[in-house]
Amino acid sequence: MSKRIILSMLFISIAGALFAQGNGSAGITEATTMITSYFDPATKLVYAIGAVCGLIGGVKVFNKFSAGDPDTSKVAASWFGACIFLIVSATILRSFFL
């Protein structure tokens, strides 16, 4: 008797799980559109961060140049490289995912 009850409960739970499963393509499509809608504002945000980084770097390099520090070119190259990395990474990620 207990085996019958356990088996019937098992079959009922499997049937309920099968009815709960759907196609899933609608959910995947909705998730894709939600994620792709975030890329344009995120790209603009990264560009803005790159611009602020460039301004701060320009001021720091100018201060070092005015003070006559010998490592001005190294600092300028590192700030310039950071700005270029931000812009290129945002562009590549946007083109890769969209």
PDB file of N, CA and C in Angstrom:
ATOM      1  N   MET A   1       0.821  -1.198   0.000  1.00  0.00           N
ATOM      2  CA  MET A   1       0.000   0.000   0.000  1.00  0.00           C
ATOM      3  C   MET A   1       0.865   1.262   0.000  1.00  0.00           C
ATOM      4  N   SER A   2       1.908   1.273   0.799  1.00  0.00           N
ATOM      5  CA  SER A   2       2.741   2.472   0.880  1.00  0.00           C
ATOM      6  C   SER A   2       3.536   2.677  -0.414  1.00  0.00           C
ATOM      7  N   LYS A   3       3.896   1.568  -1.106  1.00  0.00           N
ATOM      8  CA  LYS A   3       4.591   1.706  -2.383  1.00  0.00           C
ATOM      9  C   LYS A   3       3.695   2.378  -3.410  1.00  0.00           C
ATOM     10  N   ARG A   4       2.417   2.052  -3.407  1.00  0.00           N
ATOM     11  CA  ARG A   4       1.471   2.662  -4.352  1.00  0.00           C
ATOM     12  C   ARG A   4       1.330   4.161  -4.080  1.00  0.00           C
ATOM     13  N   ILE A   5       1.253   4.515  -2.836  1.00  0.00           N
ATOM     14  CA  ILE A   5       1.115   5.926  -2.481  1.00  0.00           C
ATOM     15  C   ILE A   5       2.374   6.698  -2.881  1.00  0.00           C
ATOM     16  N   ILE A   6       3.534   6.130  -2.606  1.00  0.00           N
ATOM     17  CA  ILE A   6       4.790   6.795  -2.958  1.00  0.00           C
ATOM     18  C   ILE A   6       4.914   6.928  -4.472  1.00  0.00           C
ATOM     19  N   LEU A   7       4.577   5.867  -5.210  1.00  0.00           N
ATOM     20  CA  LEU A   7       4.641   5.928  -6.674  1.00  0.00           C
ATOM     21  C   LEU A   7       3.648   6.925  -7.248  1.00  0.00           C
ATOM     22  N   SER A   8       2.450   6.967  -6.720  1.00  0.00           N
ATOM     23  CA  SER A   8       1.469   7.921  -7.232  1.00  0.00           C
ATOM     24  C   SER A   8       1.889   9.361  -6.925  1.00  0.00           C
ATOM     25  N   MET A   9       2.462   9.601  -5.753  1.00  0.00           N
ATOM     26  CA  MET A   9       2.957  10.945  -5.427  1.00  0.00           C
ATOM     27  C   MET A   9       4.116  11.331  -6.346  1.00  0.00           C
ATOM     28  N   LEU A  10       4.970  10.367  -6.657  1.00  0.00           N
ATOM     29  CA  LEU A  10       6.085  10.609  -7.555  1.00  0.00           C
ATOM     30  C   LEU A  10       5.592  10.974  -8.951  1.00  0.00           C
ATOM     31  N   PHE A  11       4.625  10.244  -9.467  1.00  0.00           N
ATOM     32  CA  PHE A  11       4.095  10.527 -10.801  1.00  0.00           C
ATOM     33  C   PHE A  11       3.355  11.866 -10.849  1.00  0.00           C
ATOM     34  N   ILE A  12       2.656  12.189  -9.775  1.00  0.00           N
ATOM     35  CA  ILE A  12       1.962  13.472  -9.726  1.00  0.00           C
ATOM     36  C   ILE A  12       2.959  14.625  -9.707  1.00  0.00           C
ATOM     37  N   SER A  13       4.031  14.471  -8.939  1.00  0.00           N
ATOM     38  CA  SER A  13       5.027  15.541  -8.902  1.00  0.00           C
ATOM     39  C   SER A  13       5.757  15.676 -10.236  1.00  0.00           C
ATOM     40  N   ILE A  14       6.010  14.566 -10.922  1.00  0.00           N
ATOM     41  CA  ILE A  14       6.648  14.635 -12.245  1.00  0.00           C
ATOM     42  C   ILE A  14       5.715  15.296 -13.244  1.00  0.00           C
ATOM     43  N   ALA A  15       4.440  14.961 -13.200  1.00  0.00           N
ATOM     44  CA  ALA A  15       3.486  15.574 -14.115  1.00  0.00           C
ATOM     45  C   ALA A  15       3.367  17.076 -13.853  1.00  0.00           C
ATOM     46  N   GLY A  16       3.379  17.466 -12.598  1.00  0.00           N
ATOM     47  CA  GLY A  16       3.328  18.893 -12.276  1.00  0.00           C
ATOM     48  C   GLY A  16       4.563  19.628 -12.766  1.00  0.00           C
ATOM     49  N   ALA A  17       5.718  18.982 -12.653  1.00  0.00           N
ATOM     50  CA  ALA A  17       6.947  19.608 -13.138  1.00  0.00           C
ATOM     51  C   ALA A  17       6.930  19.726 -14.654  1.00  0.00           C
ATOM     52  N   LEU A  18       6.367  18.740 -15.337  1.00  0.00           N
ATOM     53  CA  LEU A  18       6.297  18.805 -16.799  1.00  0.00           C
ATOM     54  C   LEU A  18       5.369  19.920 -17.264  1.00  0.00           C
ATOM     55  N   PHE A  19       4.289  20.139 -16.560  1.00  0.00           N
ATOM     56  CA  PHE A  19       3.392  21.231 -16.937  1.00  0.00           C
ATOM     57  C   PHE A  19       4.010  22.590 -16.622  1.00  0.00           C
ATOM     58  N   ALA A  20       4.883  22.634 -15.626  1.00  0.00           N
ATOM     59  CA  ALA A  20       5.509  23.898 -15.274  1.00  0.00           C
ATOM     60  C   ALA A  20       6.564  24.313 -16.293  1.00  0.00           C
ATOM     61  N   GLN A  21       7.147  23.354 -16.989  1.00  0.00           N
ATOM     62  CA  GLN A  21       8.163  23.665 -17.984  1.00  0.00           C
ATOM     63  C   GLN A  21       7.503  24.253 -19.216  1.00  0.00           C
ATOM     64  N   GLY A  22       8.072  25.331 -19.705  1.00  0.00           N
ATOM     65  CA  GLY A  22       7.555  25.952 -20.915  1.00  0.00           C
ATOM     66  C   GLY A  22       8.597  25.893 -22.006  1.00  0.00           C
ATOM     67  N   ASN A  23       8.351  26.641 -23.033  1.00  0.00           N
ATOM     68  CA  ASN A  23       9.293  26.684 -24.132  1.00  0.00           C
ATOM     69  C   ASN A  23      10.576  27.378 -23.703  1.00  0.00           C
ATOM     70  N   GLY A  24      10.464  28.479 -22.999  1.00  0.00           N
ATOM     71  CA  GLY A  24      11.628  29.184 -22.493  1.00  0.00           C
ATOM     72  C   GLY A  24      12.205  30.195 -23.456  1.00  0.00           C
ATOM     73  N   SER A  25      11.818  30.137 -24.714  1.00  0.00           N
ATOM     74  CA  SER A  25      12.390  31.063 -25.685  1.00  0.00           C
ATOM     75  C   SER A  25      11.921  32.496 -25.439  1.00  0.00           C
ATOM     76  N   ALA A  26      10.718  32.649 -24.910  1.00  0.00           N
ATOM     77  CA  ALA A  26      10.224  34.000 -24.619  1.00  0.00           C
ATOM     78  C   ALA A  26      11.052  34.637 -23.504  1.00  0.00           C
ATOM     79  N   GLY A  27      11.404  33.857 -22.504  1.00  0.00           N
ATOM     80  CA  GLY A  27      12.227  34.376 -21.417  1.00  0.00           C
ATOM     81  C   GLY A  27      13.630  34.722 -21.877  1.00  0.00           C
ATOM     82  N   ILE A  28      14.197  33.887 -22.729  1.00  0.00           N
ATOM     83  CA  ILE A  28      15.536  34.150 -23.251  1.00  0.00           C
ATOM     84  C   ILE A  28      15.530  35.387 -24.129  1.00  0.00           C
ATOM     85  N   THR A  29      14.500  35.556 -24.942  1.00  0.00           N
ATOM     86  CA  THR A  29      14.394  36.736 -25.797  1.00  0.00           C
ATOM     87  C   THR A  29      14.249  38.001 -24.963  1.00  0.00           C
ATOM     88  N   GLU A  30      13.449  37.931 -23.919  1.00  0.00           N
ATOM     89  CA  GLU A  30      13.264  39.093 -23.046  1.00  0.00           C
ATOM     90  C   GLU A  30      14.564  39.450 -22.323  1.00  0.00           C
ATOM     91  N   ALA A  31      15.288  38.433 -21.857  1.00  0.00           N
ATOM     92  CA  ALA A  31      16.570  38.696 -21.192  1.00  0.00           C
ATOM     93  C   ALA A  31      17.583  39.302 -22.159  1.00  0.00           C
ATOM     94  N   THR A  32      17.582  38.830 -23.387  1.00  0.00           N
ATOM     95  CA  THR A  32      18.509  39.372 -24.387  1.00  0.00           C
ATOM     96  C   THR A  32      18.209  40.827 -24.687  1.00  0.00           C
ATOM     97  N   THR A  33      16.939  41.168 -24.841  1.00  0.00           N
ATOM     98  CA  THR A  33      16.596  42.562 -25.113  1.00  0.00           C
ATOM     99  C   THR A  33      16.892  43.460 -23.910  1.00  0.00           C
ATOM    100  N   MET A  34      16.711  42.937 -22.702  1.00  0.00           N
ATOM    101  CA  MET A  34      17.025  43.734 -21.516  1.00  0.00           C
ATOM    102  C   MET A  34      18.522  44.003 -21.422  1.00  0.00           C
ATOM    103  N   ILE A  35      19.334  42.993 -21.678  1.00  0.00           N
ATOM    104  CA  ILE A  35      20.783  43.160 -21.578  1.00  0.00           C
ATOM    105  C   ILE A  35      21.296  44.072 -22.673  1.00  0.00           C
ATOM    106  N   THR A  36      20.805  43.915 -23.897  1.00  0.00           N
ATOM    107  CA  THR A  36      21.283  44.774 -24.979  1.00  0.00           C
ATOM    108  C   THR A  36      20.818  46.215 -24.812  1.00  0.00           C
ATOM    109  N   SER A  37      19.741  46.440 -24.083  1.00  0.00           N
ATOM    110  CA  SER A  37      19.302  47.818 -23.855  1.00  0.00           C
ATOM    111  C   SER A  37      20.219  48.541 -22.873  1.00  0.00           C
ATOM    112  N   TYR A  38      21.004  47.799 -22.082  1.00  0.00           N
ATOM    113  CA  TYR A  38      21.928  48.423 -21.141  1.00  0.00           C
ATOM    114  C   TYR A  38      23.243  48.836 -21.775  1.00  0.00           C
ATOM    115  N   PHE A  39      23.574  48.323 -22.962  1.00  0.00           N
ATOM    116  CA  PHE A  39      24.892  48.572 -23.538  1.00  0.00           C
ATOM    117  C   PHE A  39      25.082  50.021 -23.964  1.00  0.00           C
ATOM    118  N   ASP A  40      24.075  50.652 -24.537  1.00  0.00           N
ATOM    119  CA  ASP A  40      24.239  52.024 -24.999  1.00  0.00           C
ATOM    120  C   ASP A  40      24.496  52.987 -23.840  1.00  0.00           C
ATOM    121  N   PRO A  41      23.705  52.966 -22.767  1.00  0.00           N
ATOM    122  CA  PRO A  41      24.031  53.853 -21.635  1.00  0.00           C
ATOM    123  C   PRO A  41      25.358  53.494 -20.959  1.00  0.00           C
ATOM    124  N   ALA A  42      25.682  52.205 -20.896  1.00  0.00           N
ATOM    125  CA  ALA A  42      26.943  51.803 -20.278  1.00  0.00           C
ATOM    126  C   ALA A  42      28.132  52.282 -21.103  1.00  0.00           C
ATOM    127  N   THR A  43      28.011  52.225 -22.429  1.00  0.00           N
ATOM    128  CA  THR A  43      29.083  52.709 -23.291  1.00  0.00           C
ATOM    129  C   THR A  43      29.281  54.209 -23.118  1.00  0.00           C
ATOM    130  N   LYS A  44      28.190  54.956 -23.040  1.00  0.00           N
ATOM    131  CA  LYS A  44      28.296  56.397 -22.826  1.00  0.00           C
ATOM    132  C   LYS A  44      28.907  56.708 -21.458  1.00  0.00           C
ATOM    133  N   LEU A  45      28.584  55.899 -20.456  1.00  0.00           N
ATOM    134  CA  LEU A  45      29.169  56.085 -19.130  1.00  0.00           C
ATOM    135  C   LEU A  45      30.674  55.844 -19.154  1.00  0.00           C
ATOM    136  N   VAL A  46      31.112  54.817 -19.855  1.00  0.00           N
ATOM    137  CA  VAL A  46      32.547  54.539 -19.945  1.00  0.00           C
ATOM    138  C   VAL A  46      33.257  55.653 -20.701  1.00  0.00           C
ATOM    139  N   TYR A  47      32.620  56.191 -21.745  1.00  0.00           N
ATOM    140  CA  TYR A  47      33.213  57.321 -22.462  1.00  0.00           C
ATOM    141  C   TYR A  47      33.344  58.543 -21.541  1.00  0.00           C
ATOM    142  N   ALA A  48      32.342  58.781 -20.716  1.00  0.00           N
ATOM    143  CA  ALA A  48      32.404  59.910 -19.781  1.00  0.00           C
ATOM    144  C   ALA A  48      33.503  59.704 -18.743  1.00  0.00           C
ATOM    145  N   ILE A  49      33.638  58.473 -18.257  1.00  0.00           N
ATOM    146  CA  ILE A  49      34.709  58.177 -17.305  1.00  0.00           C
ATOM    147  C   ILE A  49      36.066  58.372 -17.972  1.00  0.00           C
ATOM    148  N   GLY A  50      36.184  57.967 -19.239  1.00  0.00           N
ATOM    149  CA  GLY A  50      37.430  58.186 -19.973  1.00  0.00           C
ATOM    150  C   GLY A  50      37.746  59.660 -20.146  1.00  0.00           C
ATOM    151  N   ALA A  51      36.726  60.478 -20.375  1.00  0.00           N
ATOM    152  CA  ALA A  51      36.948  61.921 -20.520  1.00  0.00           C
ATOM    153  C   ALA A  51      37.415  62.538 -19.210  1.00  0.00           C
ATOM    154  N   VAL A  52      36.780  62.147 -18.102  1.00  0.00           N
ATOM    155  CA  VAL A  52      37.192  62.665 -16.796  1.00  0.00           C
ATOM    156  C   VAL A  52      38.610  62.196 -16.471  1.00  0.00           C
ATOM    157  N   CYS A  53      38.908  60.943 -16.786  1.00  0.00           N
ATOM    158  CA  CYS A  53      40.250  60.408 -16.562  1.00  0.00           C
ATOM    159  C   CYS A  53      41.278  61.181 -17.393  1.00  0.00           C
ATOM    160  N   GLY A  54      40.921  61.518 -18.615  1.00  0.00           N
ATOM    161  CA  GLY A  54      41.820  62.296 -19.461  1.00  0.00           C
ATOM    162  C   GLY A  54      42.058  63.691 -18.923  1.00  0.00           C
ATOM    163  N   LEU A  55      41.007  64.336 -18.410  1.00  0.00           N
ATOM    164  CA  LEU A  55      41.175  65.669 -17.835  1.00  0.00           C
ATOM    165  C   LEU A  55      42.057  65.644 -16.587  1.00  0.00           C
ATOM    166  N   ILE A  56      41.820  64.682 -15.729  1.00  0.00           N
ATOM    167  CA  ILE A  56      42.636  64.570 -14.515  1.00  0.00           C
ATOM    168  C   ILE A  56      44.086  64.271 -14.886  1.00  0.00           C
ATOM    169  N   GLY A  57      44.266  63.367 -15.844  1.00  0.00           N
ATOM    170  CA  GLY A  57      45.625  63.046 -16.287  1.00  0.00           C
ATOM    171  C   GLY A  57      46.318  64.235 -16.912  1.00  0.00           C
ATOM    172  N   GLY A  58      45.583  65.016 -17.693  1.00  0.00           N
ATOM    173  CA  GLY A  58      46.179  66.207 -18.296  1.00  0.00           C
ATOM    174  C   GLY A  58      46.637  67.203 -17.254  1.00  0.00           C
ATOM    175  N   VAL A  59      45.846  67.390 -16.211  1.00  0.00           N
ATOM    176  CA  VAL A  59      46.224  68.319 -15.141  1.00  0.00           C
ATOM    177  C   VAL A  59      47.452  67.797 -14.400  1.00  0.00           C
ATOM    178  N   LYS A  60      47.491  66.503 -14.109  1.00  0.00           N
ATOM    179  CA  LYS A  60      48.639  65.940 -13.393  1.00  0.00           C
ATOM    180  C   LYS A  60      49.910  66.029 -14.233  1.00  0.00           C
ATOM    181  N   VAL A  61      49.797  65.743 -15.525  1.00  0.00           N
ATOM    182  CA  VAL A  61      50.969  65.833 -16.395  1.00  0.00           C
ATOM    183  C   VAL A  61      51.432  67.280 -16.507  1.00  0.00           C
ATOM    184  N   PHE A  62      50.495  68.217 -16.614  1.00  0.00           N
ATOM    185  CA  PHE A  62      50.867  69.627 -16.681  1.00  0.00           C
ATOM    186  C   PHE A  62      51.592  70.068 -15.414  1.00  0.00           C
ATOM    187  N   ASN A  63      51.097  69.620 -14.264  1.00  0.00           N
ATOM    188  CA  ASN A  63      51.749  69.971 -12.999  1.00  0.00           C
ATOM    189  C   ASN A  63      53.166  69.398 -12.925  1.00  0.00           C
ATOM    190  N   LYS A  64      53.341  68.171 -13.372  1.00  0.00           N
ATOM    191  CA  LYS A  64      54.674  67.567 -13.364  1.00  0.00           C
ATOM    192  C   LYS A  64      55.590  68.272 -14.348  1.00  0.00           C
ATOM    193  N   PHE A  65      55.054  68.635 -15.509  1.00  0.00           N
ATOM    194  CA  PHE A  65      55.854  69.327 -16.515  1.00  0.00           C
ATOM    195  C   PHE A  65      56.274  70.708 -16.011  1.00  0.00           C
ATOM    196  N   SER A  66      55.356  71.395 -15.347  1.00  0.00           N
ATOM    197  CA  SER A  66      55.664  72.724 -14.814  1.00  0.00           C
ATOM    198  C   SER A  66      56.692  72.659 -13.690  1.00  0.00           C
ATOM    199  N   ALA A  67      56.640  71.582 -12.916  1.00  0.00           N
ATOM    200  CA  ALA A  67      57.592  71.426 -11.815  1.00  0.00           C
ATOM    201  C   ALA A  67      58.954  70.955 -12.304  1.00  0.00           C
ATOM    202  N   GLY A  68      59.038  70.492 -13.536  1.00  0.00           N
ATOM    203  CA  GLY A  68      60.320  70.042 -14.087  1.00  0.00           C
ATOM    204  C   GLY A  68      60.702  68.638 -13.688  1.00  0.00           C
ATOM    205  N   ASP A  69      59.724  67.793 -13.373  1.00  0.00           N
ATOM    206  CA  ASP A  69      60.029  66.403 -13.017  1.00  0.00           C
ATOM    207  C   ASP A  69      60.549  65.647 -14.230  1.00  0.00           C
ATOM    208  N   PRO A  70      61.529  64.757 -14.035  1.00  0.00           N
ATOM    209  CA  PRO A  70      62.087  64.032 -15.178  1.00  0.00           C
ATOM    210  C   PRO A  70      61.199  62.894 -15.684  1.00  0.00           C
ATOM    211  N   ASP A  71      60.254  62.423 -14.875  1.00  0.00           N
ATOM    212  CA  ASP A  71      59.413  61.293 -15.300  1.00  0.00           C
ATOM    213  C   ASP A  71      58.075  61.748 -15.877  1.00  0.00           C
ATOM    214  N   THR A  72      58.034  62.915 -16.460  1.00  0.00           N
ATOM    215  CA  THR A  72      56.783  63.442 -17.021  1.00  0.00           C
ATOM    216  C   THR A  72      56.289  62.589 -18.175  1.00  0.00           C
ATOM    217  N   SER A  73      57.185  62.127 -19.018  1.00  0.00           N
ATOM    218  CA  SER A  73      56.763  61.335 -20.183  1.00  0.00           C
ATOM    219  C   SER A  73      56.181  59.996 -19.756  1.00  0.00           C
ATOM    220  N   LYS A  74      56.703  59.404 -18.690  1.00  0.00           N
ATOM    221  CA  LYS A  74      56.172  58.131 -18.202  1.00  0.00           C
ATOM    222  C   LYS A  74      54.748  58.316 -17.660  1.00  0.00           C
ATOM    223  N   VAL A  75      54.538  59.379 -16.913  1.00  0.00           N
ATOM    224  CA  VAL A  75      53.202  59.656 -16.364  1.00  0.00           C
ATOM    225  C   VAL A  75      52.224  59.978 -17.478  1.00  0.00           C
ATOM    226  N   ALA A  76      52.678  60.749 -18.471  1.00  0.00           N
ATOM    227  CA  ALA A  76      51.808  61.089 -19.597  1.00  0.00           C
ATOM    228  C   ALA A  76      51.428  59.840 -20.385  1.00  0.00           C
ATOM    229  N   ALA A  77      52.376  58.950 -20.592  1.00  0.00           N
ATOM    230  CA  ALA A  77      52.088  57.718 -21.329  1.00  0.00           C
ATOM    231  C   ALA A  77      51.111  56.822 -20.572  1.00  0.00           C
ATOM    232  N   SER A  78      51.254  56.754 -19.257  1.00  0.00           N
ATOM    233  CA  SER A  78      50.350  55.895 -18.481  1.00  0.00           C
ATOM    234  C   SER A  78      48.923  56.451 -18.472  1.00  0.00           C
ATOM    235  N   TRP A  79      48.767  57.775 -18.308  1.00  0.00           N
ATOM    236  CA  TRP A  79      47.414  58.353 -18.335  1.00  0.00           C
ATOM    237  C   TRP A  79      46.797  58.243 -19.716  1.00  0.00           C
ATOM    238  N   PHE A  80      47.595  58.498 -20.758  1.00  0.00           N
ATOM    239  CA  PHE A  80      47.094  58.377 -22.123  1.00  0.00           C
ATOM    240  C   PHE A  80      46.691  56.937 -22.421  1.00  0.00           C
ATOM    241  N   GLY A  81      47.497  55.985 -21.968  1.00  0.00           N
ATOM    242  CA  GLY A  81      47.170  54.570 -22.165  1.00  0.00           C
ATOM    243  C   GLY A  81      45.900  54.161 -21.447  1.00  0.00           C
ATOM    244  N   ALA A  82      45.681  54.707 -20.254  1.00  0.00           N
ATOM    245  CA  ALA A  82      44.457  54.387 -19.511  1.00  0.00           C
ATOM    246  C   ALA A  82      43.222  54.910 -20.236  1.00  0.00           C
ATOM    247  N   CYS A  83      43.316  56.116 -20.781  1.00  0.00           N
ATOM    248  CA  CYS A  83      42.172  56.682 -21.511  1.00  0.00           C
ATOM    249  C   CYS A  83      41.892  55.901 -22.784  1.00  0.00           C
ATOM    250  N   ILE A  84      42.941  55.546 -23.502  1.00  0.00           N
ATOM    251  CA  ILE A  84      42.765  54.764 -24.731  1.00  0.00           C
ATOM    252  C   ILE A  84      42.177  53.389 -24.412  1.00  0.00           C
ATOM    253  N   PHE A  85      42.641  52.767 -23.319  1.00  0.00           N
ATOM    254  CA  PHE A  85      42.097  51.471 -22.931  1.00  0.00           C
ATOM    255  C   PHE A  85      40.609  51.559 -22.633  1.00  0.00           C
ATOM    256  N   LEU A  86      40.171  52.581 -21.921  1.00  0.00           N
ATOM    257  CA  LEU A  86      38.750  52.730 -21.612  1.00  0.00           C
ATOM    258  C   LEU A  86      37.917  52.883 -22.878  1.00  0.00           C
ATOM    259  N   ILE A  87      38.373  53.712 -23.786  1.00  0.00           N
ATOM    260  CA  ILE A  87      37.604  53.961 -25.010  1.00  0.00           C
ATOM    261  C   ILE A  87      37.573  52.721 -25.892  1.00  0.00           C
ATOM    262  N   VAL A  88      38.718  52.073 -26.056  1.00  0.00           N
ATOM    263  CA  VAL A  88      38.773  50.892 -26.931  1.00  0.00           C
ATOM    264  C   VAL A  88      37.996  49.732 -26.323  1.00  0.00           C
ATOM    265  N   SER A  89      38.108  49.531 -25.022  1.00  0.00           N
ATOM    266  CA  SER A  89      37.384  48.422 -24.398  1.00  0.00           C
ATOM    267  C   SER A  89      35.874  48.618 -24.498  1.00  0.00           C
ATOM    268  N   ALA A  90      35.400  49.842 -24.325  1.00  0.00           N
ATOM    269  CA  ALA A  90      33.961  50.089 -24.457  1.00  0.00           C
ATOM    270  C   ALA A  90      33.502  49.853 -25.881  1.00  0.00           C
ATOM    271  N   THR A  91      34.290  50.290 -26.849  1.00  0.00           N
ATOM    272  CA  THR A  91      33.917  50.105 -28.247  1.00  0.00           C
ATOM    273  C   THR A  91      33.925  48.636 -28.634  1.00  0.00           C
ATOM    274  N   ILE A  92      34.934  47.903 -28.200  1.00  0.00           N
ATOM    275  CA  ILE A  92      35.027  46.482 -28.548  1.00  0.00           C
ATOM    276  C   ILE A  92      33.911  45.690 -27.883  1.00  0.00           C
ATOM    277  N   LEU A  93      33.634  45.948 -26.610  1.00  0.00           N
ATOM    278  CA  LEU A  93      32.550  45.232 -25.940  1.00  0.00           C
ATOM    279  C   LEU A  93      31.206  45.521 -26.596  1.00  0.00           C
ATOM    280  N   ARG A  94      30.991  46.754 -26.986  1.00  0.00           N
ATOM    281  CA  ARG A  94      29.724  47.111 -27.628  1.00  0.00           C
ATOM    282  C   ARG A  94      29.584  46.419 -28.983  1.00  0.00           C
ATOM    283  N   SER A  95      30.665  46.405 -29.757  1.00  0.00           N
ATOM    284  CA  SER A  95      30.597  45.749 -31.063  1.00  0.00           C
ATOM    285  C   SER A  95      30.562  44.237 -30.939  1.00  0.00           C
ATOM    286  N   PHE A  96      31.135  43.699 -29.875  1.00  0.00           N
ATOM    287  CA  PHE A  96      31.147  42.240 -29.686  1.00  0.00           C
ATOM    288  C   PHE A  96      29.786  41.713 -29.277  1.00  0.00           C
ATOM    289  N   PHE A  97      29.080  42.433 -28.424  1.00  0.00           N
ATOM    290  CA  PHE A  97      27.809  41.932 -27.899  1.00  0.00           C
ATOM    291  C   PHE A  97      26.587  42.422 -28.654  1.00  0.00           C
ATOM    292  N   LEU A  98      26.707  43.437 -29.489  1.00  0.00           N
ATOM    293  CA  LEU A  98      25.530  43.920 -30.214  1.00  0.00           C
ATOM    294  C   LEU A  98      25.574  43.572 -31.652  1.00  0.00           C
TER     295      LEU A  98
END
